[in-house]
Amino acid sequence: MRLTSLSRVFRLASVLLLCGLLAACGSGRGDLEKWVAEVKAKPAPPLDPLPVMQQFETFEYTAQNMRDPFDQAFSGEGSSSGPRPDPGRRKQTLEMFSLDSLKMVGSLGGGKNLVALVMAPDKVTYRVMPGVYLGQSDGRVTGVYEDRIELVELVPDGAGGWLERPAKLALEDN
């Protein structure tokens, strides 16, 4: 019985001590409020001046009456003759991929019936024979061999015409 009364006294003493400590903490606010009032009373620092706007020189274009260097009318005879891509030809599946992203992985058959196997970046293997188109430069296959595919691409010549450029796709050694 004595233990319970002692614990009650101890609890009461600790509650009174805690209340006293909390009351002592509230007295330091006056210094803080004084310091905040002093800081607010100080004038704000001056702002940086605005940058000076640069004046640009006006330029008058005087070559309106000269020949346009990009006009196709002055490109010469090369633009009307020579090889050209067929705009009406339906694009084939392997023309979606650049030639350097295609990989020859093997061949089937023999002689004139030789068919090359080409793997595209989509990891699908396609059969390729002469006359099929590859790559994004209108590349037409001209020959299929056991170790390579030969084709002719059509590339712009810069003057409005087209040039035939030979290209190869070699069998990869793994």
N, C-alpha and C. Protein backbone atom coordinates (compact mmCIF):
# COMPACT_ATOMS: atom_id res chain seq x y z
N MET A 1 0.80 -1.18 0.00
CA MET A 1 0.00 0.00 0.00
C MET A 1 0.87 1.26 0.00
N ARG A 2 1.92 1.19 0.62
CA ARG A 2 2.81 2.31 0.69
C ARG A 2 3.40 2.62 -0.69
N LEU A 3 3.57 1.61 -1.51
CA LEU A 3 4.15 1.76 -2.83
C LEU A 3 3.23 2.57 -3.75
N THR A 4 1.94 2.38 -3.67
CA THR A 4 1.01 3.12 -4.52
C THR A 4 0.96 4.58 -4.15
N SER A 5 1.03 4.91 -2.89
CA SER A 5 1.02 6.33 -2.50
C SER A 5 2.32 7.00 -2.91
N LEU A 6 3.42 6.26 -2.84
CA LEU A 6 4.70 6.81 -3.27
C LEU A 6 4.71 7.06 -4.78
N SER A 7 4.12 6.18 -5.54
CA SER A 7 4.05 6.36 -6.99
C SER A 7 3.15 7.54 -7.34
N ARG A 8 2.08 7.76 -6.54
CA ARG A 8 1.21 8.92 -6.80
C ARG A 8 1.97 10.21 -6.53
N VAL A 9 2.74 10.23 -5.49
CA VAL A 9 3.52 11.43 -5.15
C VAL A 9 4.56 11.67 -6.25
N PHE A 10 5.19 10.63 -6.72
CA PHE A 10 6.19 10.76 -7.78
C PHE A 10 5.56 11.29 -9.07
N ARG A 11 4.39 10.78 -9.43
CA ARG A 11 3.69 11.25 -10.62
C ARG A 11 3.32 12.72 -10.49
N LEU A 12 2.81 13.11 -9.32
CA LEU A 12 2.41 14.49 -9.09
C LEU A 12 3.62 15.42 -9.17
N ALA A 13 4.75 14.98 -8.63
CA ALA A 13 5.96 15.79 -8.66
C ALA A 13 6.48 15.95 -10.08
N SER A 14 6.42 14.89 -10.86
CA SER A 14 6.91 14.98 -12.24
C SER A 14 6.01 15.86 -13.08
N VAL A 15 4.70 15.84 -12.86
CA VAL A 15 3.78 16.71 -13.60
C VAL A 15 4.06 18.17 -13.23
N LEU A 16 4.26 18.47 -11.96
CA LEU A 16 4.56 19.85 -11.54
C LEU A 16 5.90 20.32 -12.11
N LEU A 17 6.90 19.44 -12.15
CA LEU A 17 8.20 19.79 -12.71
C LEU A 17 8.09 20.08 -14.21
N LEU A 18 7.33 19.27 -14.92
CA LEU A 18 7.12 19.47 -16.36
C LEU A 18 6.41 20.79 -16.63
N CYS A 19 5.40 21.12 -15.84
CA CYS A 19 4.68 22.39 -16.01
C CYS A 19 5.62 23.56 -15.75
N GLY A 20 6.49 23.43 -14.76
CA GLY A 20 7.44 24.50 -14.46
C GLY A 20 8.43 24.70 -15.59
N LEU A 21 8.90 23.62 -16.17
CA LEU A 21 9.84 23.73 -17.30
C LEU A 21 9.18 24.37 -18.51
N LEU A 22 7.96 23.99 -18.80
CA LEU A 22 7.25 24.59 -19.94
C LEU A 22 7.00 26.07 -19.72
N ALA A 23 6.71 26.47 -18.52
CA ALA A 23 6.49 27.89 -18.23
C ALA A 23 7.79 28.68 -18.39
N ALA A 24 8.94 28.07 -18.09
CA ALA A 24 10.23 28.75 -18.21
C ALA A 24 10.61 28.93 -19.67
N CYS A 25 10.16 28.05 -20.57
CA CYS A 25 10.51 28.15 -21.99
C CYS A 25 9.81 29.32 -22.66
N GLY A 26 8.70 29.75 -22.24
CA GLY A 26 7.93 30.81 -22.88
C GLY A 26 8.52 32.19 -22.68
N SER A 27 9.44 32.38 -21.77
CA SER A 27 9.93 33.73 -21.47
C SER A 27 10.95 34.23 -22.48
N GLY A 28 11.56 33.41 -23.36
CA GLY A 28 12.60 33.82 -24.30
C GLY A 28 12.07 34.39 -25.60
N ARG A 29 10.78 34.49 -25.78
CA ARG A 29 10.20 34.98 -27.03
C ARG A 29 10.38 36.47 -27.23
N GLY A 30 10.55 37.19 -26.19
CA GLY A 30 10.68 38.65 -26.31
C GLY A 30 11.90 39.04 -27.12
N ASP A 31 13.03 38.35 -26.93
CA ASP A 31 14.25 38.64 -27.69
C ASP A 31 14.04 38.34 -29.18
N LEU A 32 13.37 37.26 -29.45
CA LEU A 32 13.11 36.88 -30.84
C LEU A 32 12.23 37.92 -31.53
N GLU A 33 11.17 38.35 -30.87
CA GLU A 33 10.28 39.34 -31.47
C GLU A 33 11.00 40.66 -31.69
N LYS A 34 11.90 41.04 -30.78
CA LYS A 34 12.68 42.28 -30.92
C LYS A 34 13.59 42.20 -32.15
N TRP A 35 14.26 41.05 -32.31
CA TRP A 35 15.18 40.89 -33.46
C TRP A 35 14.41 40.93 -34.78
N VAL A 36 13.23 40.29 -34.86
CA VAL A 36 12.41 40.30 -36.08
C VAL A 36 11.98 41.73 -36.40
N ALA A 37 11.61 42.49 -35.40
CA ALA A 37 11.19 43.88 -35.62
C ALA A 37 12.36 44.72 -36.14
N GLU A 38 13.58 44.48 -35.64
CA GLU A 38 14.75 45.22 -36.12
C GLU A 38 15.06 44.90 -37.58
N VAL A 39 14.97 43.63 -37.94
CA VAL A 39 15.25 43.23 -39.33
C VAL A 39 14.22 43.82 -40.27
N LYS A 40 12.97 43.83 -39.87
CA LYS A 40 11.92 44.40 -40.73
C LYS A 40 12.07 45.91 -40.86
N ALA A 41 12.66 46.56 -39.87
CA ALA A 41 12.81 48.02 -39.91
C ALA A 41 13.94 48.46 -40.83
N LYS A 42 14.90 47.58 -41.15
CA LYS A 42 16.02 47.93 -42.03
C LYS A 42 15.49 48.15 -43.44
N PRO A 43 16.09 49.11 -44.18
CA PRO A 43 15.65 49.30 -45.57
C PRO A 43 16.12 48.13 -46.46
N ALA A 44 15.36 47.83 -47.51
CA ALA A 44 15.70 46.74 -48.44
C ALA A 44 16.92 47.14 -49.26
N PRO A 45 17.77 46.18 -49.64
CA PRO A 45 18.93 46.52 -50.47
C PRO A 45 18.47 47.00 -51.84
N PRO A 46 19.25 47.85 -52.48
CA PRO A 46 18.84 48.38 -53.79
C PRO A 46 18.87 47.27 -54.86
N LEU A 47 17.98 47.39 -55.84
CA LEU A 47 17.91 46.42 -56.94
C LEU A 47 18.99 46.75 -57.97
N ASP A 48 19.42 45.71 -58.69
CA ASP A 48 20.39 45.92 -59.77
C ASP A 48 19.74 46.71 -60.89
N PRO A 49 20.51 47.56 -61.56
CA PRO A 49 19.92 48.33 -62.67
C PRO A 49 19.57 47.40 -63.84
N LEU A 50 18.60 47.81 -64.64
CA LEU A 50 18.20 47.04 -65.81
C LEU A 50 19.31 47.05 -66.84
N PRO A 51 19.49 45.94 -67.56
CA PRO A 51 20.54 45.93 -68.59
C PRO A 51 20.19 46.86 -69.75
N VAL A 52 21.22 47.39 -70.37
CA VAL A 52 21.02 48.29 -71.50
C VAL A 52 20.70 47.45 -72.73
N MET A 53 19.63 47.81 -73.44
CA MET A 53 19.23 47.07 -74.62
C MET A 53 20.16 47.41 -75.78
N GLN A 54 20.62 46.36 -76.47
CA GLN A 54 21.54 46.56 -77.58
C GLN A 54 20.77 47.02 -78.82
N GLN A 55 21.28 48.01 -79.47
CA GLN A 55 20.65 48.51 -80.70
C GLN A 55 21.23 47.75 -81.89
N PHE A 56 20.37 47.18 -82.71
CA PHE A 56 20.82 46.40 -83.85
C PHE A 56 20.80 47.26 -85.10
N GLU A 57 21.77 46.98 -85.97
CA GLU A 57 21.86 47.67 -87.24
C GLU A 57 20.81 47.11 -88.18
N THR A 58 20.15 47.95 -88.92
CA THR A 58 19.20 47.45 -89.91
C THR A 58 19.97 47.07 -91.17
N PHE A 59 19.47 46.04 -91.86
CA PHE A 59 20.13 45.56 -93.06
C PHE A 59 19.11 45.58 -94.19
N GLU A 60 19.49 46.14 -95.28
CA GLU A 60 18.59 46.21 -96.42
C GLU A 60 19.03 45.19 -97.46
N TYR A 61 18.13 44.25 -97.78
CA TYR A 61 18.42 43.20 -98.75
C TYR A 61 18.23 43.76 -100.15
N THR A 62 19.27 43.68 -100.98
CA THR A 62 19.20 44.28 -102.31
C THR A 62 19.35 43.27 -103.44
N ALA A 63 19.26 41.97 -103.16
CA ALA A 63 19.47 40.97 -104.19
C ALA A 63 18.17 40.35 -104.69
N GLN A 64 17.08 41.09 -104.62
CA GLN A 64 15.80 40.53 -105.06
C GLN A 64 15.79 40.20 -106.55
N ASN A 65 16.49 40.95 -107.35
CA ASN A 65 16.44 40.78 -108.80
C ASN A 65 17.47 39.78 -109.32
N MET A 66 18.27 39.18 -108.43
CA MET A 66 19.30 38.23 -108.85
C MET A 66 18.70 36.83 -108.94
N ARG A 67 19.41 35.93 -109.61
CA ARG A 67 18.98 34.54 -109.80
C ARG A 67 18.98 33.81 -108.45
N ASP A 68 17.94 33.01 -108.21
CA ASP A 68 17.85 32.19 -106.99
C ASP A 68 18.75 30.98 -107.16
N PRO A 69 19.75 30.79 -106.30
CA PRO A 69 20.66 29.65 -106.48
C PRO A 69 20.00 28.31 -106.20
N PHE A 70 18.84 28.29 -105.58
CA PHE A 70 18.17 27.05 -105.25
C PHE A 70 17.05 26.71 -106.22
N ASP A 71 16.85 27.51 -107.25
CA ASP A 71 15.80 27.28 -108.22
C ASP A 71 16.17 26.10 -109.11
N GLN A 72 15.27 25.15 -109.30
CA GLN A 72 15.53 23.96 -110.09
C GLN A 72 15.60 24.25 -111.59
N ALA A 73 15.12 25.40 -112.01
CA ALA A 73 15.14 25.74 -113.43
C ALA A 73 16.57 25.94 -113.92
N PHE A 74 17.51 26.22 -113.04
CA PHE A 74 18.89 26.46 -113.44
C PHE A 74 19.81 25.28 -113.16
N SER A 75 19.23 24.12 -112.90
CA SER A 75 20.06 22.97 -112.54
C SER A 75 20.66 22.26 -113.75
N GLY A 76 20.24 22.57 -114.95
CA GLY A 76 20.85 21.99 -116.15
C GLY A 76 20.07 20.81 -116.68
N GLU A 77 20.70 20.11 -117.65
CA GLU A 77 20.06 18.99 -118.33
C GLU A 77 19.90 17.76 -117.44
N GLY A 78 20.73 17.62 -116.39
CA GLY A 78 20.72 16.42 -115.56
C GLY A 78 19.39 16.18 -114.87
N SER A 79 18.59 17.21 -114.69
CA SER A 79 17.35 17.05 -113.94
C SER A 79 16.25 16.38 -114.75
N SER A 80 16.33 16.41 -116.08
CA SER A 80 15.24 15.86 -116.87
C SER A 80 15.53 14.47 -117.41
N SER A 81 16.78 14.01 -117.36
CA SER A 81 17.10 12.69 -117.89
C SER A 81 17.80 11.88 -116.82
N GLY A 82 17.99 10.60 -117.09
CA GLY A 82 18.69 9.73 -116.15
C GLY A 82 17.72 8.95 -115.28
N PRO A 83 18.29 8.17 -114.37
CA PRO A 83 17.43 7.35 -113.51
C PRO A 83 16.64 8.19 -112.52
N ARG A 84 15.45 7.73 -112.19
CA ARG A 84 14.60 8.42 -111.22
C ARG A 84 13.85 7.37 -110.41
N PRO A 85 13.56 7.67 -109.14
CA PRO A 85 12.70 6.74 -108.38
C PRO A 85 11.29 6.77 -108.95
N ASP A 86 10.64 5.63 -108.91
CA ASP A 86 9.27 5.53 -109.40
C ASP A 86 8.32 5.94 -108.29
N PRO A 87 7.67 7.13 -108.41
CA PRO A 87 6.79 7.57 -107.34
C PRO A 87 5.53 6.70 -107.20
N GLY A 88 5.17 5.98 -108.24
CA GLY A 88 3.97 5.14 -108.19
C GLY A 88 4.24 3.74 -107.66
N ARG A 89 5.51 3.39 -107.47
CA ARG A 89 5.85 2.04 -107.00
C ARG A 89 5.49 1.89 -105.53
N ARG A 90 4.88 0.78 -105.19
CA ARG A 90 4.51 0.51 -103.80
C ARG A 90 5.77 0.11 -103.02
N LYS A 91 5.99 0.74 -101.86
CA LYS A 91 7.17 0.47 -101.04
C LYS A 91 7.09 -0.92 -100.44
N GLN A 92 8.24 -1.59 -100.37
CA GLN A 92 8.31 -2.92 -99.78
C GLN A 92 8.72 -2.82 -98.31
N THR A 93 8.55 -3.90 -97.58
CA THR A 93 8.77 -3.90 -96.13
C THR A 93 10.20 -3.51 -95.75
N LEU A 94 11.19 -4.03 -96.46
CA LEU A 94 12.58 -3.76 -96.10
C LEU A 94 13.04 -2.35 -96.46
N GLU A 95 12.19 -1.57 -97.10
CA GLU A 95 12.54 -0.17 -97.39
C GLU A 95 12.29 0.74 -96.19
N MET A 96 11.69 0.22 -95.13
CA MET A 96 11.49 1.01 -93.91
C MET A 96 12.80 1.19 -93.16
N PHE A 97 13.76 0.29 -93.36
CA PHE A 97 14.98 0.26 -92.57
C PHE A 97 16.16 0.79 -93.38
N SER A 98 17.10 1.44 -92.69
CA SER A 98 18.31 1.88 -93.38
C SER A 98 19.14 0.66 -93.73
N LEU A 99 19.94 0.77 -94.79
CA LEU A 99 20.70 -0.37 -95.28
C LEU A 99 21.70 -0.87 -94.24
N ASP A 100 22.29 0.03 -93.46
CA ASP A 100 23.28 -0.40 -92.47
C ASP A 100 22.64 -1.06 -91.24
N SER A 101 21.32 -1.00 -91.10
CA SER A 101 20.66 -1.70 -89.99
C SER A 101 20.21 -3.11 -90.39
N LEU A 102 20.30 -3.44 -91.68
CA LEU A 102 19.93 -4.78 -92.16
C LEU A 102 21.15 -5.69 -92.12
N LYS A 103 20.93 -6.98 -91.80
CA LYS A 103 22.03 -7.93 -91.69
C LYS A 103 21.72 -9.17 -92.52
N MET A 104 22.66 -9.53 -93.39
CA MET A 104 22.51 -10.79 -94.12
C MET A 104 22.95 -11.90 -93.17
N VAL A 105 22.06 -12.88 -92.95
CA VAL A 105 22.35 -13.94 -92.00
C VAL A 105 22.51 -15.30 -92.65
N GLY A 106 22.32 -15.38 -93.96
CA GLY A 106 22.50 -16.67 -94.64
C GLY A 106 21.87 -16.67 -96.01
N SER A 107 21.86 -17.87 -96.62
CA SER A 107 21.24 -18.01 -97.95
C SER A 107 20.64 -19.41 -98.05
N LEU A 108 19.69 -19.55 -98.97
CA LEU A 108 19.01 -20.82 -99.23
C LEU A 108 19.07 -21.12 -100.72
N GLY A 109 19.09 -22.40 -101.07
CA GLY A 109 19.04 -22.80 -102.46
C GLY A 109 20.41 -22.74 -103.10
N GLY A 110 20.42 -22.68 -104.42
CA GLY A 110 21.67 -22.64 -105.15
C GLY A 110 21.45 -22.19 -106.58
N GLY A 111 22.51 -21.77 -107.21
CA GLY A 111 22.46 -21.34 -108.61
C GLY A 111 21.57 -20.12 -108.80
N LYS A 112 20.68 -20.21 -109.79
CA LYS A 112 19.79 -19.08 -110.07
C LYS A 112 18.66 -18.97 -109.06
N ASN A 113 18.43 -20.02 -108.28
CA ASN A 113 17.36 -20.01 -107.28
C ASN A 113 17.87 -19.62 -105.89
N LEU A 114 19.05 -19.02 -105.80
CA LEU A 114 19.63 -18.64 -104.52
C LEU A 114 18.82 -17.48 -103.91
N VAL A 115 18.46 -17.65 -102.64
CA VAL A 115 17.69 -16.65 -101.91
C VAL A 115 18.49 -16.26 -100.68
N ALA A 116 18.65 -14.97 -100.44
CA ALA A 116 19.38 -14.50 -99.26
C ALA A 116 18.41 -14.31 -98.11
N LEU A 117 18.91 -14.51 -96.89
CA LEU A 117 18.12 -14.29 -95.68
C LEU A 117 18.65 -13.03 -95.00
N VAL A 118 17.76 -12.06 -94.80
CA VAL A 118 18.14 -10.77 -94.22
C VAL A 118 17.33 -10.55 -92.95
N MET A 119 18.05 -10.22 -91.86
CA MET A 119 17.37 -9.92 -90.59
C MET A 119 17.28 -8.40 -90.44
N ALA A 120 16.07 -7.93 -90.18
CA ALA A 120 15.81 -6.50 -89.99
C ALA A 120 15.93 -6.16 -88.51
N PRO A 121 15.96 -4.87 -88.16
CA PRO A 121 16.03 -4.49 -86.74
C PRO A 121 14.86 -4.97 -85.91
N ASP A 122 13.74 -5.29 -86.54
CA ASP A 122 12.59 -5.81 -85.78
C ASP A 122 12.73 -7.31 -85.49
N LYS A 123 13.93 -7.88 -85.76
CA LYS A 123 14.28 -9.28 -85.49
C LYS A 123 13.46 -10.27 -86.31
N VAL A 124 12.97 -9.85 -87.46
CA VAL A 124 12.26 -10.72 -88.39
C VAL A 124 13.20 -11.00 -89.56
N THR A 125 13.27 -12.26 -90.00
CA THR A 125 14.13 -12.63 -91.11
C THR A 125 13.30 -12.66 -92.39
N TYR A 126 13.80 -11.98 -93.43
CA TYR A 126 13.10 -11.86 -94.71
C TYR A 126 13.90 -12.57 -95.80
N ARG A 127 13.19 -13.09 -96.81
CA ARG A 127 13.83 -13.68 -97.98
C ARG A 127 14.04 -12.58 -99.01
N VAL A 128 15.23 -12.55 -99.60
CA VAL A 128 15.58 -11.51 -100.57
C VAL A 128 16.11 -12.19 -101.83
N MET A 129 15.60 -11.74 -102.98
CA MET A 129 16.07 -12.24 -104.28
C MET A 129 16.22 -11.04 -105.22
N PRO A 130 16.84 -11.21 -106.36
CA PRO A 130 17.00 -10.08 -107.27
C PRO A 130 15.65 -9.44 -107.62
N GLY A 131 15.66 -8.11 -107.66
CA GLY A 131 14.45 -7.34 -107.96
C GLY A 131 13.77 -6.80 -106.72
N VAL A 132 14.11 -7.31 -105.53
CA VAL A 132 13.53 -6.83 -104.27
C VAL A 132 14.21 -5.51 -103.92
N TYR A 133 13.51 -4.64 -103.24
CA TYR A 133 14.06 -3.34 -102.82
C TYR A 133 14.43 -3.37 -101.34
N LEU A 134 15.61 -2.80 -101.01
CA LEU A 134 16.12 -2.74 -99.64
C LEU A 134 16.55 -1.32 -99.32
N GLY A 135 16.47 -0.94 -98.07
CA GLY A 135 17.01 0.34 -97.63
C GLY A 135 16.13 1.51 -97.98
N GLN A 136 16.55 2.67 -97.52
CA GLN A 136 15.74 3.88 -97.68
C GLN A 136 16.15 4.73 -98.87
N SER A 137 17.06 4.20 -99.71
CA SER A 137 17.50 4.95 -100.89
C SER A 137 17.11 4.24 -102.17
N ASP A 138 15.93 3.68 -102.23
CA ASP A 138 15.43 2.96 -103.41
C ASP A 138 16.44 1.94 -103.91
N GLY A 139 17.02 1.15 -103.00
CA GLY A 139 18.02 0.16 -103.35
C GLY A 139 17.37 -1.10 -103.92
N ARG A 140 17.67 -1.39 -105.21
CA ARG A 140 17.12 -2.57 -105.89
C ARG A 140 18.19 -3.65 -105.95
N VAL A 141 17.87 -4.86 -105.50
CA VAL A 141 18.82 -5.96 -105.49
C VAL A 141 19.10 -6.40 -106.91
N THR A 142 20.39 -6.44 -107.27
CA THR A 142 20.79 -6.86 -108.62
C THR A 142 21.39 -8.25 -108.63
N GLY A 143 21.88 -8.72 -107.47
CA GLY A 143 22.47 -10.05 -107.42
C GLY A 143 22.50 -10.59 -106.01
N VAL A 144 22.24 -11.90 -105.89
CA VAL A 144 22.31 -12.57 -104.60
C VAL A 144 23.37 -13.65 -104.70
N TYR A 145 24.32 -13.63 -103.79
CA TYR A 145 25.40 -14.61 -103.74
C TYR A 145 25.42 -15.22 -102.34
N GLU A 146 26.18 -16.29 -102.17
CA GLU A 146 26.21 -16.97 -100.87
C GLU A 146 26.78 -16.08 -99.76
N ASP A 147 27.66 -15.14 -100.11
CA ASP A 147 28.31 -14.33 -99.08
C ASP A 147 27.93 -12.85 -99.12
N ARG A 148 27.07 -12.44 -100.08
CA ARG A 148 26.73 -11.03 -100.18
C ARG A 148 25.48 -10.81 -101.04
N ILE A 149 24.94 -9.60 -100.87
CA ILE A 149 23.84 -9.15 -101.72
C ILE A 149 24.34 -7.88 -102.38
N GLU A 150 24.21 -7.79 -103.69
CA GLU A 150 24.60 -6.58 -104.42
C GLU A 150 23.34 -5.84 -104.83
N LEU A 151 23.37 -4.52 -104.71
CA LEU A 151 22.22 -3.71 -105.08
C LEU A 151 22.66 -2.37 -105.63
N VAL A 152 21.74 -1.67 -106.24
CA VAL A 152 21.98 -0.34 -106.79
C VAL A 152 20.99 0.61 -106.11
N GLU A 153 21.53 1.67 -105.49
CA GLU A 153 20.69 2.67 -104.83
C GLU A 153 20.58 3.90 -105.71
N LEU A 154 19.48 4.63 -105.57
CA LEU A 154 19.30 5.91 -106.26
C LEU A 154 19.46 7.01 -105.24
N VAL A 155 20.45 7.89 -105.47
CA VAL A 155 20.70 8.99 -104.54
C VAL A 155 20.63 10.31 -105.30
N PRO A 156 20.16 11.39 -104.66
CA PRO A 156 20.11 12.67 -105.35
C PRO A 156 21.51 13.18 -105.66
N ASP A 157 21.65 13.81 -106.84
CA ASP A 157 22.96 14.33 -107.23
C ASP A 157 23.19 15.78 -106.80
N GLY A 158 22.21 16.39 -106.17
CA GLY A 158 22.36 17.76 -105.69
C GLY A 158 21.93 18.80 -106.71
N ALA A 159 21.67 18.38 -107.93
CA ALA A 159 21.26 19.32 -108.98
C ALA A 159 19.87 18.98 -109.49
N GLY A 160 19.11 18.26 -108.71
CA GLY A 160 17.75 17.91 -109.12
C GLY A 160 17.64 16.58 -109.81
N GLY A 161 18.76 15.91 -110.08
CA GLY A 161 18.75 14.61 -110.74
C GLY A 161 19.07 13.51 -109.75
N TRP A 162 19.30 12.32 -110.31
CA TRP A 162 19.57 11.15 -109.47
C TRP A 162 20.77 10.40 -110.02
N LEU A 163 21.52 9.77 -109.13
CA LEU A 163 22.66 8.96 -109.51
C LEU A 163 22.46 7.54 -108.99
N GLU A 164 22.95 6.56 -109.77
CA GLU A 164 22.93 5.18 -109.30
C GLU A 164 24.22 4.92 -108.55
N ARG A 165 24.10 4.35 -107.35
CA ARG A 165 25.27 4.07 -106.51
C ARG A 165 25.23 2.59 -106.14
N PRO A 166 26.31 1.84 -106.47
CA PRO A 166 26.33 0.42 -106.09
C PRO A 166 26.53 0.28 -104.58
N ALA A 167 25.94 -0.77 -104.01
CA ALA A 167 26.09 -1.05 -102.59
C ALA A 167 26.06 -2.55 -102.39
N LYS A 168 26.60 -3.00 -101.24
CA LYS A 168 26.63 -4.43 -100.91
C LYS A 168 26.17 -4.62 -99.49
N LEU A 169 25.60 -5.79 -99.25
CA LEU A 169 25.24 -6.22 -97.91
C LEU A 169 25.91 -7.57 -97.73
N ALA A 170 26.94 -7.63 -96.88
CA ALA A 170 27.76 -8.85 -96.76
C ALA A 170 27.24 -9.75 -95.65
N LEU A 171 27.51 -11.04 -95.79
CA LEU A 171 27.15 -12.02 -94.79
C LEU A 171 28.00 -11.78 -93.55
N GLU A 172 27.34 -11.72 -92.39
CA GLU A 172 28.07 -11.48 -91.13
C GLU A 172 28.64 -12.78 -90.61
N ASP A 173 29.89 -12.73 -90.14
CA ASP A 173 30.53 -13.90 -89.52
C ASP A 173 30.27 -13.86 -88.04
N ASN A 174 29.58 -14.84 -87.50
CA ASN A 174 29.29 -14.89 -86.05
C ASN A 174 30.04 -16.02 -85.40
